[in-house]
């Protein structure tokens, strides 16, 4: 009987220990997944701030940063003839490739807007080479679009706009957080993309001044943008 009681006690202790170990394993795994989810949505520094203080207001001003918008020209018309799963798979392939390139060039993806890709360099982490990094990213994205055209059989042509200047960045929302950037610089980059030429990188005068030692440019017509005076703009000569 004593041996039976001893065995029962040991068995109970082992079972309880296994239950506790399993519970802690599940909790640790859930925490790890939550941290990875935050890192997938936000830049590392922003994710850390939200993890330890979810109610904090995050808003920063950066005197120098470079913003890029890249649009897949004609994608709306092309996608109208595609099945939903085919469309999503193609966009996922394209944007996954762009995400890898953004990481390579130390740029921060801000968001995708339909078939448009937005990225910034110089925020949330200041970088003195922000303009050069974005231009290298833009070049690689153009090359990637040509390669993906051959791989997928779809004509994936990009039109890219880039602008340099001050921006404000921060986190908005309570139920669906979003890290975003605002300023005239953002509006200029978006406008340069929309009035640009397919297959080329259209940049602001500030971007040109910041990177003319590293890249060759071709002068473009002065552009009128909403809320901004006429500006000299440039095309990357590539």
Foldseek 3Di string as FASTA:
>chain_A
DVVVVVVVVVVVVVVVVVVVVVVVVVVVVVVVVVLVVLVVFDPPVVSVCCVVPVPDWWKDKFFKKKKKKKAFPPVVVVCVPPDPVVSVVLLCVLVVVLVVLCVVLVWAWQDADVRMTMIMACPPPHDLCRLVSVVVSVVVSLVVQVVVCVVPVDNGWMQMFMEIGMKMWTWDDDPDIGIDIDDVRNQRRVVQRVPGDISWYKYFPVSCVSCVVPFDWDWDAFDDGVPDHTGTIIITDD
